[in-house]
N, C-alpha and C. Protein backbone atom coordinates (compact mmCIF):
# COMPACT_ATOMS: atom_id res chain seq x y z
N MET A 1 21.04 -4.03 19.12
CA MET A 1 19.95 -3.18 19.53
C MET A 1 20.45 -2.03 20.41
N LYS A 2 21.46 -2.32 21.23
CA LYS A 2 22.02 -1.29 22.10
C LYS A 2 22.62 -0.16 21.27
N LYS A 3 23.26 -0.55 20.16
CA LYS A 3 23.87 0.44 19.27
C LYS A 3 22.81 1.38 18.69
N VAL A 4 21.66 0.82 18.29
CA VAL A 4 20.57 1.63 17.72
C VAL A 4 19.97 2.53 18.80
N ALA A 5 19.81 2.00 20.02
CA ALA A 5 19.26 2.82 21.11
C ALA A 5 20.19 3.98 21.43
N LEU A 6 21.49 3.73 21.45
CA LEU A 6 22.45 4.81 21.70
C LEU A 6 22.43 5.83 20.56
N GLU A 7 22.29 5.34 19.34
CA GLU A 7 22.21 6.26 18.19
C GLU A 7 20.93 7.08 18.25
N PHE A 8 19.82 6.46 18.67
CA PHE A 8 18.56 7.19 18.86
C PHE A 8 18.77 8.32 19.87
N LEU A 9 19.39 8.01 21.00
CA LEU A 9 19.64 9.03 22.03
C LEU A 9 20.56 10.13 21.52
N ARG A 10 21.61 9.73 20.81
CA ARG A 10 22.57 10.72 20.28
C ARG A 10 21.88 11.67 19.30
N ARG A 11 21.15 11.11 18.36
CA ARG A 11 20.45 11.94 17.37
C ARG A 11 19.36 12.79 18.02
N GLY A 12 18.66 12.20 18.98
CA GLY A 12 17.60 12.92 19.69
C GLY A 12 18.13 14.10 20.45
N VAL A 13 19.23 13.89 21.18
CA VAL A 13 19.82 14.98 21.96
C VAL A 13 20.33 16.09 21.04
N MET A 14 20.92 15.70 19.92
CA MET A 14 21.41 16.71 18.96
C MET A 14 20.25 17.52 18.38
N SER A 15 19.11 16.88 18.19
CA SER A 15 17.97 17.54 17.55
C SER A 15 17.09 18.33 18.50
N CYS A 16 17.04 17.94 19.78
CA CYS A 16 16.05 18.55 20.68
C CYS A 16 16.30 20.03 20.92
N GLY A 17 17.49 20.50 20.70
CA GLY A 17 17.76 21.93 20.84
C GLY A 17 17.11 22.76 19.76
N VAL A 18 16.71 22.12 18.68
CA VAL A 18 16.08 22.82 17.56
C VAL A 18 14.63 23.17 17.89
N GLY A 19 14.01 22.42 18.80
CA GLY A 19 12.60 22.64 19.15
C GLY A 19 12.28 24.06 19.55
N PRO A 20 13.01 24.64 20.52
CA PRO A 20 12.71 26.03 20.91
C PRO A 20 12.91 27.03 19.77
N ILE A 21 13.86 26.77 18.89
CA ILE A 21 14.08 27.67 17.75
C ILE A 21 12.87 27.61 16.82
N ILE A 22 12.39 26.40 16.55
CA ILE A 22 11.20 26.24 15.70
C ILE A 22 10.00 26.93 16.33
N LEU A 23 9.86 26.79 17.65
CA LEU A 23 8.75 27.44 18.36
C LEU A 23 8.85 28.96 18.22
N ALA A 24 10.04 29.51 18.39
CA ALA A 24 10.22 30.96 18.26
C ALA A 24 9.85 31.43 16.86
N VAL A 25 10.29 30.71 15.84
CA VAL A 25 9.96 31.07 14.46
C VAL A 25 8.45 30.97 14.24
N LEU A 26 7.84 29.91 14.77
CA LEU A 26 6.40 29.73 14.64
C LEU A 26 5.64 30.89 15.28
N TYR A 27 6.01 31.25 16.50
CA TYR A 27 5.32 32.36 17.18
C TYR A 27 5.56 33.69 16.47
N LEU A 28 6.74 33.89 15.91
CA LEU A 28 7.00 35.11 15.15
C LEU A 28 6.12 35.18 13.91
N ILE A 29 5.96 34.06 13.22
CA ILE A 29 5.10 34.02 12.03
C ILE A 29 3.64 34.29 12.44
N LEU A 30 3.19 33.63 13.51
CA LEU A 30 1.81 33.85 13.97
C LEU A 30 1.60 35.29 14.41
N HIS A 31 2.59 35.87 15.08
CA HIS A 31 2.50 37.27 15.51
C HIS A 31 2.47 38.20 14.29
N HIS A 32 3.31 37.95 13.33
CA HIS A 32 3.38 38.78 12.12
C HIS A 32 2.04 38.76 11.37
N ASN A 33 1.35 37.62 11.42
CA ASN A 33 0.06 37.49 10.73
C ASN A 33 -1.12 37.87 11.61
N GLY A 34 -0.85 38.40 12.79
CA GLY A 34 -1.91 38.87 13.67
C GLY A 34 -2.69 37.77 14.37
N VAL A 35 -2.19 36.55 14.36
CA VAL A 35 -2.90 35.44 15.00
C VAL A 35 -2.62 35.40 16.49
N VAL A 36 -1.40 35.71 16.88
CA VAL A 36 -0.99 35.66 18.29
C VAL A 36 -0.39 37.01 18.66
N GLU A 37 -0.94 37.63 19.69
CA GLU A 37 -0.38 38.88 20.19
C GLU A 37 0.48 38.63 21.42
N ASN A 38 -0.04 37.84 22.35
CA ASN A 38 0.67 37.54 23.59
C ASN A 38 0.67 36.04 23.83
N VAL A 39 1.74 35.57 24.44
CA VAL A 39 1.85 34.17 24.80
C VAL A 39 2.08 34.11 26.30
N SER A 40 1.28 33.31 26.99
CA SER A 40 1.46 33.20 28.44
C SER A 40 2.71 32.39 28.76
N VAL A 41 3.16 32.52 29.97
CA VAL A 41 4.33 31.75 30.41
C VAL A 41 4.04 30.25 30.29
N LYS A 42 2.84 29.85 30.66
CA LYS A 42 2.45 28.44 30.57
C LYS A 42 2.50 27.96 29.13
N GLU A 43 1.91 28.74 28.20
CA GLU A 43 1.91 28.36 26.78
C GLU A 43 3.34 28.25 26.25
N LEU A 44 4.17 29.21 26.64
CA LEU A 44 5.56 29.20 26.18
C LEU A 44 6.31 27.98 26.70
N CYS A 45 6.14 27.68 27.98
CA CYS A 45 6.83 26.53 28.58
C CYS A 45 6.35 25.22 27.97
N VAL A 46 5.04 25.07 27.81
CA VAL A 46 4.49 23.86 27.18
C VAL A 46 5.02 23.74 25.76
N GLY A 47 5.06 24.86 25.05
CA GLY A 47 5.58 24.85 23.68
C GLY A 47 7.04 24.45 23.62
N ILE A 48 7.85 25.01 24.50
CA ILE A 48 9.28 24.68 24.51
C ILE A 48 9.48 23.20 24.82
N PHE A 49 8.82 22.73 25.87
CA PHE A 49 8.99 21.32 26.25
C PHE A 49 8.47 20.37 25.17
N SER A 50 7.30 20.67 24.64
CA SER A 50 6.70 19.76 23.66
C SER A 50 7.49 19.75 22.35
N LEU A 51 7.96 20.91 21.91
CA LEU A 51 8.72 20.93 20.66
C LEU A 51 10.13 20.37 20.84
N SER A 52 10.68 20.52 22.03
CA SER A 52 11.97 19.87 22.30
C SER A 52 11.79 18.35 22.27
N ALA A 53 10.70 17.86 22.87
CA ALA A 53 10.42 16.42 22.86
C ALA A 53 10.15 15.94 21.43
N LEU A 54 9.39 16.72 20.67
CA LEU A 54 9.11 16.35 19.28
C LEU A 54 10.40 16.29 18.47
N ALA A 55 11.25 17.29 18.61
CA ALA A 55 12.53 17.29 17.88
C ALA A 55 13.40 16.11 18.31
N PHE A 56 13.37 15.78 19.60
CA PHE A 56 14.13 14.63 20.09
C PHE A 56 13.65 13.34 19.41
N VAL A 57 12.35 13.14 19.39
CA VAL A 57 11.79 11.93 18.77
C VAL A 57 12.04 11.93 17.26
N ALA A 58 11.77 13.05 16.61
CA ALA A 58 11.94 13.14 15.16
C ALA A 58 13.39 12.93 14.75
N GLY A 59 14.32 13.46 15.53
CA GLY A 59 15.73 13.25 15.23
C GLY A 59 16.18 11.84 15.54
N GLY A 60 15.72 11.31 16.65
CA GLY A 60 16.16 9.99 17.07
C GLY A 60 15.58 8.86 16.27
N ILE A 61 14.35 9.00 15.80
CA ILE A 61 13.68 7.90 15.12
C ILE A 61 14.39 7.51 13.83
N ASN A 62 15.18 8.40 13.28
CA ASN A 62 15.92 8.07 12.06
C ASN A 62 16.95 6.98 12.30
N ALA A 63 17.31 6.73 13.55
CA ALA A 63 18.23 5.63 13.86
C ALA A 63 17.59 4.28 13.53
N LEU A 64 16.28 4.26 13.37
CA LEU A 64 15.56 3.04 13.02
C LEU A 64 16.11 2.43 11.73
N TYR A 65 16.55 3.28 10.82
CA TYR A 65 17.03 2.79 9.52
C TYR A 65 18.36 2.06 9.63
N GLN A 66 18.97 2.09 10.80
CA GLN A 66 20.20 1.31 11.00
C GLN A 66 19.90 -0.15 11.33
N LEU A 67 18.64 -0.43 11.67
CA LEU A 67 18.25 -1.83 11.89
C LEU A 67 18.15 -2.50 10.54
N GLU A 68 19.06 -3.35 10.25
CA GLU A 68 19.04 -4.00 8.94
C GLU A 68 18.22 -5.28 8.97
N ARG A 69 17.62 -5.58 10.13
CA ARG A 69 16.80 -6.79 10.25
C ARG A 69 15.40 -6.56 9.74
N LEU A 70 14.95 -5.32 9.73
CA LEU A 70 13.58 -5.02 9.31
C LEU A 70 13.55 -4.69 7.82
N PRO A 71 12.48 -5.11 7.13
CA PRO A 71 12.32 -4.68 5.74
C PRO A 71 12.11 -3.16 5.69
N LEU A 72 12.51 -2.55 4.59
CA LEU A 72 12.42 -1.11 4.44
C LEU A 72 10.99 -0.61 4.63
N MET A 73 10.00 -1.31 4.09
CA MET A 73 8.62 -0.86 4.23
C MET A 73 8.18 -0.88 5.70
N ALA A 74 8.65 -1.86 6.48
CA ALA A 74 8.32 -1.90 7.91
C ALA A 74 8.97 -0.72 8.62
N GLU A 75 10.20 -0.41 8.26
CA GLU A 75 10.88 0.75 8.86
C GLU A 75 10.15 2.04 8.54
N ILE A 76 9.73 2.19 7.30
CA ILE A 76 9.01 3.39 6.88
C ILE A 76 7.68 3.50 7.62
N LEU A 77 6.98 2.38 7.77
CA LEU A 77 5.69 2.38 8.47
C LEU A 77 5.88 2.75 9.94
N ILE A 78 6.87 2.18 10.60
CA ILE A 78 7.15 2.52 12.00
C ILE A 78 7.56 3.98 12.12
N HIS A 79 8.46 4.42 11.25
CA HIS A 79 8.94 5.81 11.25
C HIS A 79 7.77 6.78 11.08
N GLY A 80 6.93 6.53 10.08
CA GLY A 80 5.80 7.40 9.82
C GLY A 80 4.81 7.40 10.97
N SER A 81 4.55 6.24 11.55
CA SER A 81 3.61 6.14 12.67
C SER A 81 4.11 6.91 13.90
N VAL A 82 5.39 6.75 14.21
CA VAL A 82 5.96 7.46 15.35
C VAL A 82 5.91 8.97 15.13
N LEU A 83 6.27 9.40 13.93
CA LEU A 83 6.22 10.84 13.63
C LEU A 83 4.78 11.35 13.68
N TYR A 84 3.84 10.59 13.11
CA TYR A 84 2.44 11.00 13.11
C TYR A 84 1.93 11.21 14.53
N VAL A 85 2.13 10.22 15.38
CA VAL A 85 1.65 10.32 16.76
C VAL A 85 2.34 11.48 17.48
N SER A 86 3.65 11.64 17.26
CA SER A 86 4.40 12.71 17.92
C SER A 86 3.89 14.09 17.51
N TYR A 87 3.71 14.29 16.20
CA TYR A 87 3.22 15.58 15.71
C TYR A 87 1.79 15.82 16.18
N LEU A 88 0.95 14.80 16.08
CA LEU A 88 -0.45 14.96 16.49
C LEU A 88 -0.53 15.34 17.97
N MET A 89 0.20 14.65 18.81
CA MET A 89 0.17 14.96 20.25
C MET A 89 0.71 16.36 20.52
N THR A 90 1.76 16.76 19.82
CA THR A 90 2.33 18.10 20.00
C THR A 90 1.31 19.16 19.61
N TYR A 91 0.64 18.97 18.48
CA TYR A 91 -0.36 19.94 18.04
C TYR A 91 -1.53 20.01 19.01
N LEU A 92 -1.97 18.86 19.51
CA LEU A 92 -3.11 18.85 20.43
C LEU A 92 -2.73 19.45 21.78
N VAL A 93 -1.56 19.10 22.31
CA VAL A 93 -1.13 19.62 23.62
C VAL A 93 -0.98 21.14 23.59
N ASN A 94 -0.49 21.68 22.48
CA ASN A 94 -0.28 23.12 22.37
C ASN A 94 -1.53 23.88 21.94
N GLY A 95 -2.60 23.16 21.64
CA GLY A 95 -3.83 23.83 21.22
C GLY A 95 -3.77 24.34 19.79
N TRP A 96 -2.84 23.84 19.00
CA TRP A 96 -2.73 24.26 17.60
C TRP A 96 -3.70 23.50 16.71
N LEU A 97 -4.28 22.44 17.27
CA LEU A 97 -5.25 21.63 16.56
C LEU A 97 -6.38 21.34 17.54
N GLU A 98 -7.60 21.55 17.09
CA GLU A 98 -8.74 21.29 17.96
C GLU A 98 -8.95 19.79 18.12
N TRP A 99 -9.44 19.42 19.33
CA TRP A 99 -9.82 18.04 19.56
C TRP A 99 -11.11 17.80 18.80
N GLY A 100 -11.14 16.80 17.98
CA GLY A 100 -12.36 16.48 17.24
C GLY A 100 -12.03 15.61 16.03
N ARG A 101 -13.04 14.95 15.54
CA ARG A 101 -12.85 14.02 14.43
C ARG A 101 -12.39 14.73 13.16
N VAL A 102 -13.07 15.80 12.79
CA VAL A 102 -12.75 16.48 11.52
C VAL A 102 -11.35 17.10 11.55
N PRO A 103 -10.96 17.86 12.58
CA PRO A 103 -9.60 18.41 12.58
C PRO A 103 -8.52 17.32 12.55
N VAL A 104 -8.75 16.23 13.29
CA VAL A 104 -7.75 15.15 13.30
C VAL A 104 -7.69 14.46 11.94
N LEU A 105 -8.84 14.28 11.29
CA LEU A 105 -8.84 13.67 9.95
C LEU A 105 -8.15 14.57 8.93
N VAL A 106 -8.39 15.87 9.01
CA VAL A 106 -7.72 16.80 8.10
C VAL A 106 -6.22 16.77 8.34
N PHE A 107 -5.81 16.82 9.62
CA PHE A 107 -4.39 16.73 9.96
C PHE A 107 -3.79 15.43 9.43
N THR A 108 -4.51 14.33 9.61
CA THR A 108 -4.03 13.02 9.16
C THR A 108 -3.83 13.02 7.65
N GLY A 109 -4.80 13.55 6.92
CA GLY A 109 -4.68 13.62 5.46
C GLY A 109 -3.48 14.43 5.02
N ILE A 110 -3.31 15.59 5.63
CA ILE A 110 -2.18 16.45 5.28
C ILE A 110 -0.87 15.76 5.63
N PHE A 111 -0.81 15.13 6.79
CA PHE A 111 0.41 14.44 7.21
C PHE A 111 0.76 13.31 6.23
N VAL A 112 -0.24 12.48 5.90
CA VAL A 112 0.01 11.34 5.02
C VAL A 112 0.47 11.81 3.64
N VAL A 113 -0.21 12.80 3.09
CA VAL A 113 0.19 13.32 1.77
C VAL A 113 1.60 13.90 1.83
N GLY A 114 1.89 14.70 2.86
CA GLY A 114 3.24 15.27 3.00
C GLY A 114 4.30 14.20 3.15
N TYR A 115 4.01 13.20 3.97
CA TYR A 115 4.96 12.11 4.20
C TYR A 115 5.22 11.34 2.90
N LEU A 116 4.15 11.06 2.15
CA LEU A 116 4.31 10.35 0.88
C LEU A 116 5.09 11.18 -0.15
N VAL A 117 4.82 12.47 -0.19
CA VAL A 117 5.55 13.34 -1.13
C VAL A 117 7.04 13.35 -0.78
N ILE A 118 7.36 13.47 0.49
CA ILE A 118 8.76 13.48 0.90
C ILE A 118 9.43 12.16 0.51
N TRP A 119 8.77 11.03 0.78
CA TRP A 119 9.36 9.74 0.42
C TRP A 119 9.45 9.56 -1.09
N ALA A 120 8.51 10.09 -1.85
CA ALA A 120 8.59 10.01 -3.31
C ALA A 120 9.79 10.79 -3.82
N VAL A 121 10.02 11.97 -3.26
CA VAL A 121 11.19 12.76 -3.65
C VAL A 121 12.47 12.00 -3.31
N ILE A 122 12.55 11.46 -2.10
CA ILE A 122 13.73 10.69 -1.70
C ILE A 122 13.94 9.51 -2.64
N TYR A 123 12.87 8.79 -2.96
CA TYR A 123 12.95 7.63 -3.84
C TYR A 123 13.52 8.02 -5.21
N PHE A 124 12.97 9.07 -5.81
CA PHE A 124 13.42 9.45 -7.15
C PHE A 124 14.85 10.02 -7.14
N VAL A 125 15.23 10.73 -6.10
CA VAL A 125 16.61 11.23 -6.00
C VAL A 125 17.58 10.06 -5.89
N ILE A 126 17.26 9.10 -5.03
CA ILE A 126 18.14 7.94 -4.86
C ILE A 126 18.18 7.11 -6.14
N LYS A 127 17.03 6.96 -6.79
CA LYS A 127 16.96 6.20 -8.04
C LYS A 127 17.85 6.86 -9.10
N ARG A 128 17.79 8.20 -9.20
CA ARG A 128 18.61 8.91 -10.19
C ARG A 128 20.09 8.76 -9.86
N LYS A 129 20.45 8.90 -8.58
CA LYS A 129 21.85 8.75 -8.18
C LYS A 129 22.35 7.34 -8.43
N THR A 130 21.51 6.36 -8.17
CA THR A 130 21.89 4.96 -8.41
C THR A 130 22.09 4.71 -9.90
N LYS A 131 21.20 5.27 -10.71
CA LYS A 131 21.33 5.10 -12.17
C LYS A 131 22.64 5.72 -12.66
N ASN A 132 22.96 6.93 -12.17
CA ASN A 132 24.21 7.59 -12.57
C ASN A 132 25.43 6.80 -12.10
N LEU A 133 25.37 6.28 -10.87
CA LEU A 133 26.48 5.49 -10.34
C LEU A 133 26.67 4.21 -11.15
N ASN A 134 25.57 3.55 -11.48
CA ASN A 134 25.66 2.34 -12.29
C ASN A 134 26.22 2.64 -13.68
N LYS A 135 25.82 3.77 -14.23
CA LYS A 135 26.33 4.18 -15.54
C LYS A 135 27.84 4.42 -15.47
N MET A 136 28.29 5.10 -14.42
CA MET A 136 29.72 5.35 -14.25
C MET A 136 30.49 4.04 -14.06
N LEU A 137 29.94 3.13 -13.29
CA LEU A 137 30.60 1.83 -13.10
C LEU A 137 30.69 1.05 -14.40
N LYS A 138 29.62 1.08 -15.16
CA LYS A 138 29.60 0.38 -16.45
C LYS A 138 30.65 0.97 -17.39
N GLU A 139 30.74 2.30 -17.44
CA GLU A 139 31.74 2.96 -18.29
C GLU A 139 33.15 2.60 -17.83
N LYS A 140 33.36 2.55 -16.53
CA LYS A 140 34.67 2.21 -15.99
C LYS A 140 35.03 0.77 -16.33
N GLN A 141 34.06 -0.12 -16.23
CA GLN A 141 34.31 -1.52 -16.58
C GLN A 141 34.63 -1.65 -18.06
N GLN A 142 33.90 -0.91 -18.90
CA GLN A 142 34.15 -0.97 -20.34
C GLN A 142 35.52 -0.40 -20.68
N SER A 143 35.89 0.69 -20.02
CA SER A 143 37.21 1.27 -20.32
C SER A 143 38.32 0.37 -19.81
N SER A 144 38.13 -0.32 -18.71
CA SER A 144 39.18 -1.20 -18.19
C SER A 144 39.30 -2.46 -19.07
N THR A 145 38.20 -2.92 -19.67
CA THR A 145 38.29 -4.07 -20.57
C THR A 145 38.94 -3.67 -21.88
N LEU A 146 38.79 -2.42 -22.32
CA LEU A 146 39.45 -1.95 -23.53
C LEU A 146 40.97 -1.97 -23.34
N PHE A 147 41.43 -1.53 -22.18
CA PHE A 147 42.86 -1.49 -21.92
C PHE A 147 43.44 -2.89 -21.74
N GLN A 148 42.63 -3.86 -21.34
CA GLN A 148 43.11 -5.22 -21.17
C GLN A 148 43.32 -5.87 -22.53
N ASP A 149 42.58 -5.42 -23.55
CA ASP A 149 42.72 -5.97 -24.90
C ASP A 149 44.04 -5.56 -25.53
N PHE A 150 44.65 -4.48 -25.09
CA PHE A 150 45.91 -4.03 -25.70
C PHE A 150 47.03 -4.78 -25.13
């Protein structure tokens, strides 16, 4: 468990520097679209701190997959739940999402669909790579048995 905690910290620290960059890109996009003209010092500081914390958690939580004691579905459920709560809190703290049942339900729907799409893509990519690897292994085994016959 200590190894996973240290890996969480290592990944989190490596990732948290990305938060301010994401915030800068986000504010530039909002400014370009005329949504945000000025950002107060308070808004900027809250944004930097919250996105750094979000990046830390999002980067670190991937260490969860090193726990080989948990079933994959449990890991995915924990991973998704931690990311959901982290993103939701970040959006609410920064005022990017209104407090209320409907906005939170819409956010939840979008998050769940996005999360499932990402995992579906990962699943099919890994499945294709595994199929190709198995095919290569089978061909190698067949070629090695041919040479043993001679």
